[in-house]
Amino acid sequence: MIAVAECFRDAGEILANPIGTVPMIGGRLARASFSPDLVMTDGEALFISGPYPVGPTDEAKVIEAWNPYRSMFDVVWSGRRHVIMGASQIDMYGNQNFAFVGDWDQPKAQLLGFRGAPGNTIQNTTSYFLPNHSPRLFVPKVDVVTGVGYDRAAKLGAAGRFHHLHHVVTNLGVLDFETDDHRMRLHSVHPGVTVDEIVAATGFDLVVPSDVPETRAPTPDELALIREVIDPHGLRDQEVPNP
């Protein structure tokens, strides 16, 4: 959760749009701790204030504003959003796939479809949360591009001016694209994980710095927010089991 929350550090007044349980916990944690200017939705059509539990809750929401589709698209098209998505495949330049696996004419598995991924990645800062770091997920070439990576965005000129892939957070570590050619780089390893383990779990050559730091641990106050306020029912363990 803390690595997801760190995706939003120093983001300023933007719409945080984390998709999924752990990303939502991370976004709410960031706003409640070190990024108070973030704007958060209730997952539907309202901007809300303050941390409250993920999942079903009877807790009253403090509503800051109504967020109909028209207003939401104004935010999206202006680049004032940071979205966290998932993926079924991702390559070294950040091209993402969650539409299908296999050949276009006869896929082995049909998945979510293209959804909003093309627009998200072209118009907004995008990060990924991938709870199962493996060579099947981190592939040399995705079967179909749903989210746009750096190599394709570079060909778009002004149309790709908002494109920015920030972090890829997995169960093993954090990756970024802070290299001259925007290839995926190892940013940090989670406690108890080695660089070699991450390299072995990746199906392409990662850029590995000479000194890879450890992902920071949550502070006692952050742990209390997660356990007592944001996720008191432990829904996070359903996405990433507690070892």
C-alpha atoms as a PDB file:
ATOM      1  CA  MET A   1       0.000   0.000   0.000  1.00  0.00           C
ATOM      2  CA  ILE A   2       2.767   2.443   0.853  1.00  0.00           C
ATOM      3  CA  ALA A   3       4.405   2.007  -2.570  1.00  0.00           C
ATOM      4  CA  VAL A   4       1.057   2.765  -4.225  1.00  0.00           C
ATOM      5  CA  ALA A   5       0.560   5.789  -1.979  1.00  0.00           C
ATOM      6  CA  GLU A   6       4.012   7.077  -2.957  1.00  0.00           C
ATOM      7  CA  CYS A   7       2.842   7.232  -6.584  1.00  0.00           C
ATOM      8  CA  PHE A   8       0.841  10.304  -5.530  1.00  0.00           C
ATOM      9  CA  ARG A   9       3.531  12.108  -3.532  1.00  0.00           C
ATOM     10  CA  ASP A  10       3.905  15.791  -4.524  1.00  0.00           C
ATOM     11  CA  ALA A  11       1.144  15.373  -7.120  1.00  0.00           C
ATOM     12  CA  GLY A  12      -0.609  18.594  -6.131  1.00  0.00           C
ATOM     13  CA  GLU A  13      -4.268  19.315  -6.838  1.00  0.00           C
ATOM     14  CA  ILE A  14      -5.158  16.590  -9.307  1.00  0.00           C
ATOM     15  CA  LEU A  15      -7.789  13.873  -9.454  1.00  0.00           C
ATOM     16  CA  ALA A  16      -6.410  10.651  -7.981  1.00  0.00           C
ATOM     17  CA  ASN A  17      -8.158   7.770  -9.719  1.00  0.00           C
ATOM     18  CA  PRO A  18      -6.824   4.491  -8.284  1.00  0.00           C
ATOM     19  CA  ILE A  19      -8.715   1.457  -9.625  1.00  0.00           C
ATOM     20  CA  GLY A  20      -8.908  -1.609  -7.377  1.00  0.00           C
ATOM     21  CA  THR A  21      -8.826  -2.260  -3.649  1.00  0.00           C
ATOM     22  CA  VAL A  22      -5.110  -1.840  -2.930  1.00  0.00           C
ATOM     23  CA  PRO A  23      -4.768   1.193  -5.269  1.00  0.00           C
ATOM     24  CA  MET A  24      -7.785   2.804  -3.564  1.00  0.00           C
ATOM     25  CA  ILE A  25      -6.253   2.210  -0.137  1.00  0.00           C
ATOM     26  CA  GLY A  26      -2.979   3.713  -1.368  1.00  0.00           C
ATOM     27  CA  GLY A  27      -4.701   6.773  -2.826  1.00  0.00           C
ATOM     28  CA  ARG A  28      -6.695   7.437   0.339  1.00  0.00           C
ATOM     29  CA  LEU A  29      -3.571   6.914   2.429  1.00  0.00           C
ATOM     30  CA  ALA A  30      -1.632   9.443   0.327  1.00  0.00           C
ATOM     31  CA  ARG A  31      -4.347  12.048   0.725  1.00  0.00           C
ATOM     32  CA  ALA A  32      -4.689  11.452   4.461  1.00  0.00           C
ATOM     33  CA  SER A  33      -0.945  11.610   5.111  1.00  0.00           C
ATOM     34  CA  PHE A  34       1.326  13.505   2.715  1.00  0.00           C
ATOM     35  CA  SER A  35      -0.679  14.667  -0.336  1.00  0.00           C
ATOM     36  CA  PRO A  36      -3.666  16.561   1.093  1.00  0.00           C
ATOM     37  CA  ASP A  37      -4.404  18.434  -2.155  1.00  0.00           C
ATOM     38  CA  LEU A  38      -5.469  15.273  -3.985  1.00  0.00           C
ATOM     39  CA  VAL A  39      -9.063  15.153  -5.174  1.00  0.00           C
ATOM     40  CA  MET A  40     -10.712  11.763  -4.575  1.00  0.00           C
ATOM     41  CA  THR A  41     -13.931  10.289  -5.927  1.00  0.00           C
ATOM     42  CA  ASP A  42     -16.291   7.847  -4.242  1.00  0.00           C
ATOM     43  CA  GLY A  43     -15.808   5.559  -7.246  1.00  0.00           C
ATOM     44  CA  GLU A  44     -18.951   6.865  -8.869  1.00  0.00           C
ATOM     45  CA  ALA A  45     -20.098  10.476  -9.305  1.00  0.00           C
ATOM     46  CA  LEU A  46     -18.997  12.410  -6.241  1.00  0.00           C
ATOM     47  CA  PHE A  47     -15.841  14.108  -5.010  1.00  0.00           C
ATOM     48  CA  ILE A  48     -15.473  13.267  -1.337  1.00  0.00           C
ATOM     49  CA  SER A  49     -13.436  14.516   1.615  1.00  0.00           C
ATOM     50  CA  GLY A  50     -11.516  12.653   4.257  1.00  0.00           C
ATOM     51  CA  PRO A  51     -10.485   9.003   4.505  1.00  0.00           C
ATOM     52  CA  TYR A  52     -13.225   6.440   4.931  1.00  0.00           C
ATOM     53  CA  PRO A  53     -13.239   2.644   4.685  1.00  0.00           C
ATOM     54  CA  VAL A  54     -12.943   0.847   1.360  1.00  0.00           C
ATOM     55  CA  GLY A  55     -15.749  -1.536   0.492  1.00  0.00           C
ATOM     56  CA  PRO A  56     -19.350  -1.343   1.699  1.00  0.00           C
ATOM     57  CA  THR A  57     -19.760   1.060   4.607  1.00  0.00           C
ATOM     58  CA  ASP A  58     -22.499   2.866   6.481  1.00  0.00           C
ATOM     59  CA  GLU A  59     -20.156   5.718   7.281  1.00  0.00           C
ATOM     60  CA  ALA A  60     -21.494   9.054   6.052  1.00  0.00           C
ATOM     61  CA  LYS A  61     -19.439  10.585   3.238  1.00  0.00           C
ATOM     62  CA  VAL A  62     -18.471  14.237   3.297  1.00  0.00           C
ATOM     63  CA  ILE A  63     -19.305  15.365  -0.241  1.00  0.00           C
ATOM     64  CA  GLU A  64     -17.190  18.109  -1.783  1.00  0.00           C
ATOM     65  CA  ALA A  65     -18.757  18.251  -5.244  1.00  0.00           C
ATOM     66  CA  TRP A  66     -20.885  16.471  -7.804  1.00  0.00           C
ATOM     67  CA  ASN A  67     -18.852  14.883 -10.585  1.00  0.00           C
ATOM     68  CA  PRO A  68     -21.057  14.068 -13.590  1.00  0.00           C
ATOM     69  CA  TYR A  69     -19.613  12.564 -16.773  1.00  0.00           C
ATOM     70  CA  ARG A  70     -19.234  15.967 -18.439  1.00  0.00           C
ATOM     71  CA  SER A  71     -17.102  17.276 -15.575  1.00  0.00           C
ATOM     72  CA  MET A  72     -15.131  14.056 -15.389  1.00  0.00           C
ATOM     73  CA  PHE A  73     -14.242  14.163 -19.074  1.00  0.00           C
ATOM     74  CA  ASP A  74     -13.162  17.806 -18.732  1.00  0.00           C
ATOM     75  CA  VAL A  75     -10.680  16.641 -16.080  1.00  0.00           C
ATOM     76  CA  VAL A  76      -9.567  13.642 -18.128  1.00  0.00           C
ATOM     77  CA  TRP A  77      -9.001  15.511 -21.394  1.00  0.00           C
ATOM     78  CA  SER A  78      -7.052  18.296 -19.665  1.00  0.00           C
ATOM     79  CA  GLY A  79      -4.518  15.897 -18.177  1.00  0.00           C
ATOM     80  CA  ARG A  80      -5.355  16.684 -14.532  1.00  0.00           C
ATOM     81  CA  ARG A  81      -5.646  13.086 -13.378  1.00  0.00           C
ATOM     82  CA  HIS A  82      -3.367  10.281 -12.193  1.00  0.00           C
ATOM     83  CA  VAL A  83      -4.928   6.886 -12.794  1.00  0.00           C
ATOM     84  CA  ILE A  84      -3.693   3.539 -11.468  1.00  0.00           C
ATOM     85  CA  MET A  85      -4.727   0.561 -13.574  1.00  0.00           C
ATOM     86  CA  GLY A  86      -4.015  -3.150 -13.743  1.00  0.00           C
ATOM     87  CA  ALA A  87      -2.656  -5.202 -16.628  1.00  0.00           C
ATOM     88  CA  SER A  88      -2.579  -8.744 -17.946  1.00  0.00           C
ATOM     89  CA  GLN A  89       0.642  -8.041 -19.873  1.00  0.00           C
ATOM     90  CA  ILE A  90       3.125  -5.178 -19.882  1.00  0.00           C
ATOM     91  CA  ASP A  91       6.348  -4.723 -21.856  1.00  0.00           C
ATOM     92  CA  MET A  92       9.606  -2.862 -21.342  1.00  0.00           C
ATOM     93  CA  TYR A  93       8.223   0.445 -22.666  1.00  0.00           C
ATOM     94  CA  GLY A  94       5.026   0.253 -20.657  1.00  0.00           C
ATOM     95  CA  ASN A  95       2.652  -0.942 -23.372  1.00  0.00           C
ATOM     96  CA  GLN A  96      -0.203  -2.577 -21.476  1.00  0.00           C
ATOM     97  CA  ASN A  97      -2.702  -5.266 -22.396  1.00  0.00           C
ATOM     98  CA  PHE A  98      -5.858  -6.256 -20.588  1.00  0.00           C
ATOM     99  CA  ALA A  99      -8.051  -6.974 -23.629  1.00  0.00           C
ATOM    100  CA  PHE A 100      -7.149 -10.542 -24.580  1.00  0.00           C
ATOM    101  CA  VAL A 101      -4.324 -13.100 -24.615  1.00  0.00           C
ATOM    102  CA  GLY A 102      -3.337 -14.880 -27.813  1.00  0.00           C
ATOM    103  CA  ASP A 103      -3.878 -14.158 -31.494  1.00  0.00           C
ATOM    104  CA  TRP A 104      -6.227 -11.371 -32.593  1.00  0.00           C
ATOM    105  CA  ASP A 105      -8.248 -13.777 -34.800  1.00  0.00           C
ATOM    106  CA  GLN A 106      -8.706 -16.409 -32.108  1.00  0.00           C
ATOM    107  CA  PRO A 107      -7.634 -15.316 -28.601  1.00  0.00           C
ATOM    108  CA  LYS A 108      -6.908 -17.884 -25.918  1.00  0.00           C
ATOM    109  CA  ALA A 109      -8.654 -15.724 -23.316  1.00  0.00           C
ATOM    110  CA  GLN A 110     -10.974 -12.720 -23.563  1.00  0.00           C
ATOM    111  CA  LEU A 111     -10.356 -10.205 -20.772  1.00  0.00           C
ATOM    112  CA  LEU A 112     -11.716  -6.731 -19.940  1.00  0.00           C
ATOM    113  CA  GLY A 113     -11.395  -5.225 -23.404  1.00  0.00           C
ATOM    114  CA  PHE A 114      -9.803  -1.894 -24.238  1.00  0.00           C
ATOM    115  CA  ARG A 115     -12.018   0.051 -21.820  1.00  0.00           C
ATOM    116  CA  GLY A 116     -10.555   3.510 -21.117  1.00  0.00           C
ATOM    117  CA  ALA A 117      -6.902   2.474 -21.248  1.00  0.00           C
ATOM    118  CA  PRO A 118      -5.942   4.217 -24.528  1.00  0.00           C
ATOM    119  CA  GLY A 119      -7.369   7.548 -23.381  1.00  0.00           C
ATOM    120  CA  ASN A 120      -6.041   7.157 -19.852  1.00  0.00           C
ATOM    121  CA  THR A 121      -2.461   6.639 -20.968  1.00  0.00           C
ATOM    122  CA  ILE A 122      -2.484   9.355 -23.635  1.00  0.00           C
ATOM    123  CA  GLN A 123      -4.260  12.024 -21.586  1.00  0.00           C
ATOM    124  CA  ASN A 124      -3.194  11.382 -17.987  1.00  0.00           C
ATOM    125  CA  THR A 125      -0.354  10.332 -15.745  1.00  0.00           C
ATOM    126  CA  THR A 126      -0.669   6.568 -15.382  1.00  0.00           C
ATOM    127  CA  SER A 127       0.734   4.062 -12.917  1.00  0.00           C
ATOM    128  CA  TYR A 128       0.104   0.329 -12.654  1.00  0.00           C
ATOM    129  CA  PHE A 129      -0.532  -1.995  -9.719  1.00  0.00           C
ATOM    130  CA  LEU A 130       0.293  -5.603 -10.599  1.00  0.00           C
ATOM    131  CA  PRO A 131       0.056  -8.000  -7.631  1.00  0.00           C
ATOM    132  CA  ASN A 132       1.606 -11.026  -9.369  1.00  0.00           C
ATOM    133  CA  HIS A 133       5.028 -10.177 -10.780  1.00  0.00           C
ATOM    134  CA  SER A 134       5.913 -12.955 -13.250  1.00  0.00           C
ATOM    135  CA  PRO A 135       7.309 -13.540 -16.771  1.00  0.00           C
ATOM    136  CA  ARG A 136       3.754 -14.177 -18.008  1.00  0.00           C
ATOM    137  CA  LEU A 137       2.853 -10.618 -17.013  1.00  0.00           C
ATOM    138  CA  PHE A 138       6.119  -8.836 -17.856  1.00  0.00           C
ATOM    139  CA  VAL A 139       6.519  -9.899 -21.490  1.00  0.00           C
ATOM    140  CA  PRO A 140       8.806  -8.922 -24.399  1.00  0.00           C
ATOM    141  CA  LYS A 141       5.761  -7.992 -26.516  1.00  0.00           C
ATOM    142  CA  VAL A 142       2.128  -7.615 -25.502  1.00  0.00           C
ATOM    143  CA  ASP A 143      -0.467  -9.480 -27.586  1.00  0.00           C
ATOM    144  CA  VAL A 144      -2.455  -6.280 -28.132  1.00  0.00           C
ATOM    145  CA  VAL A 145      -1.821  -2.699 -26.971  1.00  0.00           C
ATOM    146  CA  THR A 146      -4.555  -1.234 -24.794  1.00  0.00           C
ATOM    147  CA  GLY A 147      -2.467   1.210 -22.749  1.00  0.00           C
ATOM    148  CA  VAL A 148       0.108   3.181 -24.740  1.00  0.00           C
ATOM    149  CA  GLY A 149       3.802   2.814 -23.893  1.00  0.00           C
ATOM    150  CA  TYR A 150       6.647   5.263 -24.381  1.00  0.00           C
ATOM    151  CA  ASP A 151       7.778   3.915 -27.751  1.00  0.00           C
ATOM    152  CA  ARG A 152       4.344   4.457 -29.300  1.00  0.00           C
ATOM    153  CA  ALA A 153       3.690   7.749 -27.517  1.00  0.00           C
ATOM    154  CA  ALA A 154       6.926   9.166 -28.966  1.00  0.00           C
ATOM    155  CA  LYS A 155       5.433   8.858 -32.458  1.00  0.00           C
ATOM    156  CA  LEU A 156       2.364  10.949 -31.611  1.00  0.00           C
ATOM    157  CA  GLY A 157       3.969  14.369 -31.358  1.00  0.00           C
ATOM    158  CA  ALA A 158       1.747  16.973 -29.694  1.00  0.00           C
ATOM    159  CA  ALA A 159      -1.056  14.424 -29.339  1.00  0.00           C
ATOM    160  CA  GLY A 160       1.048  12.629 -26.735  1.00  0.00           C
ATOM    161  CA  ARG A 161       1.992  15.689 -24.700  1.00  0.00           C
ATOM    162  CA  PHE A 162       0.201  14.481 -21.548  1.00  0.00           C
ATOM    163  CA  HIS A 163       1.581  10.938 -21.757  1.00  0.00           C
ATOM    164  CA  HIS A 164       3.494   9.991 -18.624  1.00  0.00           C
ATOM    165  CA  LEU A 165       3.924   6.521 -17.165  1.00  0.00           C
ATOM    166  CA  HIS A 166       4.980   7.010 -13.569  1.00  0.00           C
ATOM    167  CA  HIS A 167       5.419   3.846 -11.495  1.00  0.00           C
ATOM    168  CA  VAL A 168       4.685   0.140 -11.805  1.00  0.00           C
ATOM    169  CA  VAL A 169       4.064  -1.311  -8.341  1.00  0.00           C
ATOM    170  CA  THR A 170       4.121  -5.099  -7.918  1.00  0.00           C
ATOM    171  CA  ASN A 171       4.221  -7.568  -5.057  1.00  0.00           C
ATOM    172  CA  LEU A 172       8.022  -7.638  -5.426  1.00  0.00           C
ATOM    173  CA  GLY A 173       9.071  -4.038  -5.985  1.00  0.00           C
ATOM    174  CA  VAL A 174       8.583  -0.745  -7.787  1.00  0.00           C
ATOM    175  CA  LEU A 175       9.627   0.027 -11.362  1.00  0.00           C
ATOM    176  CA  ASP A 176       9.750   3.245 -13.349  1.00  0.00           C
ATOM    177  CA  PHE A 177      10.786   4.541 -16.783  1.00  0.00           C
ATOM    178  CA  GLU A 178      13.405   7.114 -15.734  1.00  0.00           C
ATOM    179  CA  THR A 179      15.942   6.150 -18.405  1.00  0.00           C
ATOM    180  CA  ASP A 180      17.119   7.961 -21.527  1.00  0.00           C
ATOM    181  CA  ASP A 181      15.102   5.679 -23.798  1.00  0.00           C
ATOM    182  CA  HIS A 182      12.216   5.191 -21.337  1.00  0.00           C
ATOM    183  CA  ARG A 183      12.825   1.479 -20.842  1.00  0.00           C
ATOM    184  CA  MET A 184      11.514   0.014 -17.618  1.00  0.00           C
ATOM    185  CA  ARG A 185      13.924   0.386 -14.713  1.00  0.00           C
ATOM    186  CA  LEU A 186      14.007  -1.187 -11.275  1.00  0.00           C
ATOM    187  CA  HIS A 187      13.218   1.616  -8.822  1.00  0.00           C
ATOM    188  CA  SER A 188      13.147  -0.253  -5.486  1.00  0.00           C
ATOM    189  CA  VAL A 189      12.773  -3.737  -4.027  1.00  0.00           C
ATOM    190  CA  HIS A 190      10.275  -4.534  -1.295  1.00  0.00           C
ATOM    191  CA  PRO A 191      11.627  -5.706   2.072  1.00  0.00           C
ATOM    192  CA  GLY A 192      12.679  -9.355   1.909  1.00  0.00           C
ATOM    193  CA  VAL A 193      12.914  -9.379  -1.912  1.00  0.00           C
ATOM    194  CA  THR A 194      16.182  -9.446  -3.867  1.00  0.00           C
ATOM    195  CA  VAL A 195      17.102  -7.825  -7.159  1.00  0.00           C
ATOM    196  CA  ASP A 196      17.778 -11.273  -8.628  1.00  0.00           C
ATOM    197  CA  GLU A 197      14.246 -12.405  -7.768  1.00  0.00           C
ATOM    198  CA  ILE A 198      12.734  -9.478  -9.643  1.00  0.00           C
ATOM    199  CA  VAL A 199      15.021  -9.967 -12.646  1.00  0.00           C
ATOM    200  CA  ALA A 200      14.072 -13.658 -12.784  1.00  0.00           C
ATOM    201  CA  ALA A 201      10.364 -12.792 -12.612  1.00  0.00           C
ATOM    202  CA  THR A 202      10.599 -10.383 -15.564  1.00  0.00           C
ATOM    203  CA  GLY A 203      10.373 -11.631 -19.155  1.00  0.00           C
ATOM    204  CA  PHE A 204      12.626  -8.959 -20.624  1.00  0.00           C
ATOM    205  CA  ASP A 205      15.862  -7.185 -19.680  1.00  0.00           C
ATOM    206  CA  LEU A 206      15.198  -4.645 -16.945  1.00  0.00           C
ATOM    207  CA  VAL A 207      17.419  -1.628 -16.479  1.00  0.00           C
ATOM    208  CA  VAL A 208      18.985  -2.299 -13.074  1.00  0.00           C
ATOM    209  CA  PRO A 209      20.937   0.516 -11.389  1.00  0.00           C
ATOM    210  CA  SER A 210      24.098  -0.318  -9.493  1.00  0.00           C
ATOM    211  CA  ASP A 211      22.416   0.590  -6.204  1.00  0.00           C
ATOM    212  CA  VAL A 212      18.737  -0.335  -5.820  1.00  0.00           C
ATOM    213  CA  PRO A 213      17.100   0.965  -2.616  1.00  0.00           C
ATOM    214  CA  GLU A 214      14.540  -0.844  -0.521  1.00  0.00           C
ATOM    215  CA  THR A 215      10.939   0.340  -0.710  1.00  0.00           C
ATOM    216  CA  ARG A 216      10.249   2.332   2.430  1.00  0.00           C
ATOM    217  CA  ALA A 217       8.106   0.829   5.147  1.00  0.00           C
ATOM    218  CA  PRO A 218       4.970   2.605   6.380  1.00  0.00           C
ATOM    219  CA  THR A 219       5.236   4.754   9.475  1.00  0.00           C
ATOM    220  CA  PRO A 220       3.267   3.806  12.618  1.00  0.00           C
ATOM    221  CA  ASP A 221       0.736   6.551  11.815  1.00  0.00           C
ATOM    222  CA  GLU A 222       0.315   5.233   8.263  1.00  0.00           C
ATOM    223  CA  LEU A 223      -0.160   1.691   9.541  1.00  0.00           C
ATOM    224  CA  ALA A 224      -2.834   2.914  11.924  1.00  0.00           C
ATOM    225  CA  LEU A 225      -4.631   4.718   9.091  1.00  0.00           C
ATOM    226  CA  ILE A 226      -4.605   1.582   6.959  1.00  0.00           C
ATOM    227  CA  ARG A 227      -5.649  -0.859   9.667  1.00  0.00           C
ATOM    228  CA  GLU A 228      -8.098   1.257  11.655  1.00  0.00           C
ATOM    229  CA  VAL A 229      -9.554   3.819   9.238  1.00  0.00           C
ATOM    230  CA  ILE A 230      -9.100   2.985   5.545  1.00  0.00           C
ATOM    231  CA  ASP A 231      -9.184  -0.829   5.543  1.00  0.00           C
ATOM    232  CA  PRO A 232     -10.414  -2.041   8.942  1.00  0.00           C
ATOM    233  CA  HIS A 233     -11.838  -5.237   7.394  1.00  0.00           C
ATOM    234  CA  GLY A 234      -8.549  -6.311   5.792  1.00  0.00           C
ATOM    235  CA  LEU A 235      -9.788  -6.295   2.204  1.00  0.00           C
ATOM    236  CA  ARG A 236      -6.197  -5.677   1.100  1.00  0.00           C
ATOM    237  CA  ASP A 237      -5.339  -9.287   1.944  1.00  0.00           C
ATOM    238  CA  GLN A 238      -7.717 -10.501  -0.774  1.00  0.00           C
ATOM    239  CA  GLU A 239      -5.516  -8.870  -3.457  1.00  0.00           C
ATOM    240  CA  VAL A 240      -2.112  -9.453  -1.890  1.00  0.00           C
ATOM    241  CA  PRO A 241      -2.220 -12.251   0.720  1.00  0.00           C
ATOM    242  CA  ASN A 242      -0.363 -11.585   3.948  1.00  0.00           C
ATOM    243  CA  PRO A 243       2.740 -13.822   4.014  1.00  0.00           C
END
